C-alpha atoms as a PDB file:
ATOM      1  CA  MET A   1     -12.274  -0.781  -4.771  1.00  0.00           C
ATOM      2  CA  ASN A   2     -14.799   0.493  -1.933  1.00  0.00           C
ATOM      3  CA  GLU A   3     -13.360  -1.677   0.354  1.00  0.00           C
ATOM      4  CA  ASN A   4      -9.561   0.632  -0.215  1.00  0.00           C
ATOM      5  CA  GLU A   5     -11.796   3.339  -0.096  1.00  0.00           C
ATOM      6  CA  LYS A   6     -12.854   2.955   2.817  1.00  0.00           C
ATOM      7  CA  ILE A   7      -9.008   1.640   4.706  1.00  0.00           C
ATOM      8  CA  ARG A   8      -7.932   5.252   3.373  1.00  0.00           C
ATOM      9  CA  GLU A   9      -9.865   7.148   5.528  1.00  0.00           C
ATOM     10  CA  GLU A  10      -9.391   5.334   8.768  1.00  0.00           C
ATOM     11  CA  LEU A  11      -5.450   5.361   8.092  1.00  0.00           C
ATOM     12  CA  LEU A  12      -5.962   8.687   7.012  1.00  0.00           C
ATOM     13  CA  HIS A  13      -8.082   9.672  10.509  1.00  0.00           C
ATOM     14  CA  ALA A  14      -6.111   7.815  12.414  1.00  0.00           C
ATOM     15  CA  VAL A  15      -2.734  10.379  12.551  1.00  0.00           C
ATOM     16  CA  ASN A  16      -5.671  13.673  12.643  1.00  0.00           C
ATOM     17  CA  GLY A  17      -4.948  15.049  15.665  1.00  0.00           C
ATOM     18  CA  LEU A  18      -0.956  14.014  15.368  1.00  0.00           C
ATOM     19  CA  SER A  19       1.728  17.230  15.196  1.00  0.00           C
ATOM     20  CA  ASP A  20       4.401  16.726  12.112  1.00  0.00           C
ATOM     21  CA  GLU A  21       7.167  16.112  15.146  1.00  0.00           C
ATOM     22  CA  GLN A  22       5.359  13.052  16.269  1.00  0.00           C
ATOM     23  CA  LEU A  23       4.910  12.079  13.092  1.00  0.00           C
ATOM     24  CA  ASN A  24       8.526  12.085  12.322  1.00  0.00           C
ATOM     25  CA  ALA A  25       9.242  10.507  15.696  1.00  0.00           C
ATOM     26  CA  HIS A  26      11.149   6.736  15.816  1.00  0.00           C
ATOM     27  CA  PRO A  27       9.013   5.524  18.996  1.00  0.00           C
ATOM     28  CA  GLU A  28      10.570   2.206  18.380  1.00  0.00           C
ATOM     29  CA  THR A  29      14.630   2.053  17.499  1.00  0.00           C
ATOM     30  CA  GLY A  30      14.625   0.304  14.059  1.00  0.00           C
ATOM     31  CA  ARG A  31      11.730   1.239  13.470  1.00  0.00           C
ATOM     32  CA  TRP A  32       9.914   3.398  10.983  1.00  0.00           C
ATOM     33  CA  SER A  33       7.819   6.587  12.196  1.00  0.00           C
ATOM     34  CA  ILE A  34       4.407   6.657  10.793  1.00  0.00           C
ATOM     35  CA  ILE A  35       4.958   9.657   8.379  1.00  0.00           C
ATOM     36  CA  GLN A  36       7.374   6.837   7.083  1.00  0.00           C
ATOM     37  CA  VAL A  37       5.073   4.588   7.213  1.00  0.00           C
ATOM     38  CA  LEU A  38       2.671   6.356   5.270  1.00  0.00           C
ATOM     39  CA  ASP A  39       5.201   7.210   2.867  1.00  0.00           C
ATOM     40  CA  HIS A  40       5.945   3.204   1.954  1.00  0.00           C
ATOM     41  CA  LEU A  41       2.671   3.022   1.587  1.00  0.00           C
ATOM     42  CA  TYR A  42       2.257   5.679  -1.234  1.00  0.00           C
ATOM     43  CA  LEU A  43       5.552   4.532  -2.653  1.00  0.00           C
ATOM     44  CA  MET A  44       3.788   0.653  -2.842  1.00  0.00           C
ATOM     45  CA  GLU A  45       0.519   2.051  -4.563  1.00  0.00           C
ATOM     46  CA  ARG A  46       1.951   3.501  -6.870  1.00  0.00           C
ATOM     47  CA  ALA A  47       4.755   0.304  -7.476  1.00  0.00           C
ATOM     48  CA  ILE A  48       1.783  -1.336  -8.220  1.00  0.00           C
ATOM     49  CA  THR A  49      -0.265   1.110 -10.272  1.00  0.00           C
ATOM     50  CA  LYS A  50       2.474   1.054 -12.716  1.00  0.00           C
ATOM     51  CA  SER A  51       2.525  -2.857 -12.947  1.00  0.00           C
ATOM     52  CA  ILE A  52      -1.137  -2.752 -12.987  1.00  0.00           C
ATOM     53  CA  SER A  53      -0.939  -0.721 -15.752  1.00  0.00           C
ATOM     54  CA  ASP A  54       2.528  -2.439 -17.509  1.00  0.00           C
ATOM     55  CA  LYS A  55       1.062  -5.281 -17.534  1.00  0.00           C
ATOM     56  CA  LEU A  56      -2.806  -4.224 -19.019  1.00  0.00           C
ATOM     57  CA  LYS A  57      -0.637  -2.691 -21.805  1.00  0.00           C
ATOM     58  CA  SER A  58       1.310  -6.277 -22.958  1.00  0.00           C
ATOM     59  CA  ASP A  59       0.380  -8.441 -24.824  1.00  0.00           C
ATOM     60  CA  ASP A  60       1.191 -11.075 -21.924  1.00  0.00           C
ATOM     61  CA  SER A  61      -1.711 -12.887 -20.035  1.00  0.00           C
ATOM     62  CA  PHE A  62      -0.804 -15.758 -17.865  1.00  0.00           C
ATOM     63  CA  PRO A  63      -3.397 -16.145 -15.007  1.00  0.00           C
ATOM     64  CA  ALA A  64      -2.926 -16.791 -11.550  1.00  0.00           C
ATOM     65  CA  VAL A  65      -4.789 -19.004  -9.147  1.00  0.00           C
ATOM     66  CA  ASP A  66      -6.959 -16.627  -6.554  1.00  0.00           C
ATOM     67  CA  LYS A  67      -3.686 -16.914  -2.927  1.00  0.00           C
ATOM     68  CA  PRO A  68      -4.560 -16.231   0.594  1.00  0.00           C
ATOM     69  CA  ILE A  69      -3.872 -13.012   0.714  1.00  0.00           C
ATOM     70  CA  GLU A  70      -6.334 -11.634   3.764  1.00  0.00           C
ATOM     71  CA  LEU A  71      -2.845 -13.222   5.681  1.00  0.00           C
ATOM     72  CA  THR A  72      -1.781 -10.426   4.585  1.00  0.00           C
ATOM     73  CA  LEU A  73      -3.002  -8.421   8.056  1.00  0.00           C
ATOM     74  CA  ASN A  74      -1.055 -10.939  10.095  1.00  0.00           C
ATOM     75  CA  ARG A  75       1.226  -8.873  11.865  1.00  0.00           C
ATOM     76  CA  GLU A  76       3.407 -11.574  12.791  1.00  0.00           C
ATOM     77  CA  VAL A  77       4.778 -12.775  10.338  1.00  0.00           C
ATOM     78  CA  LYS A  78       7.442  -9.970   9.281  1.00  0.00           C
ATOM     79  CA  VAL A  79       8.234  -9.384   5.913  1.00  0.00           C
ATOM     80  CA  LEU A  80      11.640  -7.365   4.472  1.00  0.00           C
ATOM     81  CA  ALA A  81      10.285  -4.420   2.430  1.00  0.00           C
ATOM     82  CA  PRO A  82      11.451  -4.078  -1.549  1.00  0.00           C
ATOM     83  CA  PRO A  83      14.106  -1.621  -1.920  1.00  0.00           C
ATOM     84  CA  PHE A  84      12.024   0.659  -4.116  1.00  0.00           C
ATOM     85  CA  VAL A  85       9.469   0.313  -2.034  1.00  0.00           C
ATOM     86  CA  ILE A  86      11.582   1.855   1.367  1.00  0.00           C
ATOM     87  CA  PRO A  87      10.404   5.237   2.391  1.00  0.00           C
ATOM     88  CA  SER A  88      12.204   8.616   3.032  1.00  0.00           C
ATOM     89  CA  GLU A  89      14.722   9.238   5.761  1.00  0.00           C
ATOM     90  CA  SER A  90      14.138  12.756   5.761  1.00  0.00           C
ATOM     91  CA  PHE A  91      11.109  15.032   7.407  1.00  0.00           C
ATOM     92  CA  GLN A  92       7.862  15.419   5.864  1.00  0.00           C
ATOM     93  CA  THR A  93       5.265  17.050   6.810  1.00  0.00           C
ATOM     94  CA  LEU A  94       1.730  15.008   6.921  1.00  0.00           C
ATOM     95  CA  SER A  95       0.365  17.484   3.822  1.00  0.00           C
ATOM     96  CA  GLU A  96       2.761  16.378   1.979  1.00  0.00           C
ATOM     97  CA  VAL A  97       2.245  12.964   3.019  1.00  0.00           C
ATOM     98  CA  LYS A  98      -1.042  13.305   1.996  1.00  0.00           C
ATOM     99  CA  ASP A  99      -0.639  15.327  -1.378  1.00  0.00           C
ATOM    100  CA  LYS A 100       1.310  12.438  -2.289  1.00  0.00           C
ATOM    101  CA  LEU A 101      -1.116   9.598  -1.494  1.00  0.00           C
ATOM    102  CA  SER A 102      -3.950  11.891  -3.017  1.00  0.00           C
ATOM    103  CA  GLU A 103      -2.149  11.766  -6.810  1.00  0.00           C
ATOM    104  CA  SER A 104      -1.319   8.006  -5.510  1.00  0.00           C
ATOM    105  CA  ARG A 105      -4.832   6.880  -5.146  1.00  0.00           C
ATOM    106  CA  LYS A 106      -5.879   8.398  -8.925  1.00  0.00           C
ATOM    107  CA  ALA A 107      -3.377   7.347 -10.639  1.00  0.00           C
ATOM    108  CA  PHE A 108      -4.839   4.008  -8.782  1.00  0.00           C
ATOM    109  CA  VAL A 109      -8.505   4.079  -9.338  1.00  0.00           C
ATOM    110  CA  GLN A 110      -7.843   5.336 -13.165  1.00  0.00           C
ATOM    111  CA  VAL A 111      -6.135   2.062 -14.045  1.00  0.00           C
ATOM    112  CA  VAL A 112      -8.156   0.453 -12.551  1.00  0.00           C
ATOM    113  CA  ASP A 113     -10.957   2.353 -13.461  1.00  0.00           C
ATOM    114  CA  ASP A 114      -9.811   1.549 -17.904  1.00  0.00           C
ATOM    115  CA  ALA A 115      -8.995  -1.673 -16.718  1.00  0.00           C
ATOM    116  CA  LYS A 116     -11.368  -4.717 -18.419  1.00  0.00           C
ATOM    117  CA  GLU A 117     -12.101  -7.494 -16.062  1.00  0.00           C
ATOM    118  CA  MET A 118     -11.703  -9.706 -18.102  1.00  0.00           C
ATOM    119  CA  ASP A 119      -7.304  -8.685 -18.150  1.00  0.00           C
ATOM    120  CA  LEU A 120      -7.595  -8.700 -14.315  1.00  0.00           C
ATOM    121  CA  GLU A 121      -8.513 -12.468 -14.008  1.00  0.00           C
ATOM    122  CA  GLN A 122      -6.487 -13.257 -16.373  1.00  0.00           C
ATOM    123  CA  LYS A 123      -3.378 -11.384 -16.451  1.00  0.00           C
ATOM    124  CA  SER A 124      -1.024 -11.319 -13.158  1.00  0.00           C
ATOM    125  CA  PHE A 125       2.362 -10.065 -11.492  1.00  0.00           C
ATOM    126  CA  PRO A 126       4.677 -11.942  -8.788  1.00  0.00           C
ATOM    127  CA  HIS A 127       4.330 -11.083  -5.084  1.00  0.00           C
ATOM    128  CA  PRO A 128       7.546 -11.276  -2.909  1.00  0.00           C
ATOM    129  CA  LEU A 129       5.716 -14.035  -0.747  1.00  0.00           C
ATOM    130  CA  PHE A 130       1.890 -15.305  -3.017  1.00  0.00           C
ATOM    131  CA  LYS A 131       3.921 -16.131  -5.771  1.00  0.00           C
ATOM    132  CA  ASP A 132       1.805 -14.864  -8.295  1.00  0.00           C
ATOM    133  CA  LEU A 133      -1.273 -12.617  -7.937  1.00  0.00           C
ATOM    134  CA  SER A 134      -3.560 -11.987 -10.451  1.00  0.00           C
ATOM    135  CA  LEU A 135      -4.205  -8.049 -11.348  1.00  0.00           C
ATOM    136  CA  LYS A 136      -7.728  -8.098  -9.289  1.00  0.00           C
ATOM    137  CA  GLN A 137      -6.319  -9.813  -6.329  1.00  0.00           C
ATOM    138  CA  TRP A 138      -3.272  -7.142  -6.425  1.00  0.00           C
ATOM    139  CA  ILE A 139      -6.528  -4.158  -6.310  1.00  0.00           C
ATOM    140  CA  THR A 140      -7.059  -6.026  -2.856  1.00  0.00           C
ATOM    141  CA  PHE A 141      -3.563  -6.271  -1.752  1.00  0.00           C
ATOM    142  CA  VAL A 142      -3.420  -2.179  -1.403  1.00  0.00           C
ATOM    143  CA  GLY A 143      -6.210  -1.975   1.055  1.00  0.00           C
ATOM    144  CA  LEU A 144      -4.811  -4.905   2.973  1.00  0.00           C
ATOM    145  CA  HIS A 145      -1.569  -3.905   2.703  1.00  0.00           C
ATOM    146  CA  GLU A 146      -2.793  -0.303   4.463  1.00  0.00           C
ATOM    147  CA  LYS A 147      -4.553  -2.090   7.122  1.00  0.00           C
ATOM    148  CA  ARG A 148      -2.206  -4.108   7.813  1.00  0.00           C
ATOM    149  CA  HIS A 149       0.106  -1.182   8.417  1.00  0.00           C
ATOM    150  CA  LEU A 150      -2.693   0.780   9.985  1.00  0.00           C
ATOM    151  CA  LEU A 151      -2.539  -2.187  12.790  1.00  0.00           C
ATOM    152  CA  GLN A 152       1.013  -0.530  12.554  1.00  0.00           C
ATOM    153  CA  MET A 153       0.768   2.884  12.811  1.00  0.00           C
ATOM    154  CA  GLU A 154      -1.771   2.298  16.224  1.00  0.00           C
ATOM    155  CA  GLU A 155       1.079   0.816  17.902  1.00  0.00           C
ATOM    156  CA  LEU A 156       3.355   3.527  16.984  1.00  0.00           C
ATOM    157  CA  LYS A 157       0.580   6.377  17.854  1.00  0.00           C
ATOM    158  CA  THR A 158       0.616   4.165  21.814  1.00  0.00           C
ATOM    159  CA  LYS A 159       4.263   4.559  22.278  1.00  0.00           C
ATOM    160  CA  LEU A 160       4.407   8.339  21.606  1.00  0.00           C
END
């Protein structure tokens, strides 16, 4: 979780000094704005938190072998976001999105802190590319996913 917190700090630092208009701008046709990337990260963290929470409450135990989730950082491999994590098209302020990210992180940390290590290792649910990931790997994935999108946001900033 420490690495996830560092990445979140980098993410929020990367948008300092940008206006809400810049954050909502689409510097490239067909690509998300920076605010949409942040909204996507909120939606993703919320969805992963719910899935981890549901698995922890379940009696099911399906251990998964570790997958090379560090490949998440390879931005040459394009991945279509599932419909439930596609961000809103509406104008949002950085303040609004920061509040949502704070809320989703608090819930995520709470679920992880309350979990037993054995459950995190022995329970899993599927990822669209990596197939079954242990709950423990899902926790690491959240940070890697944010780092992937931090790289995307840096690219978008150069085009503003």
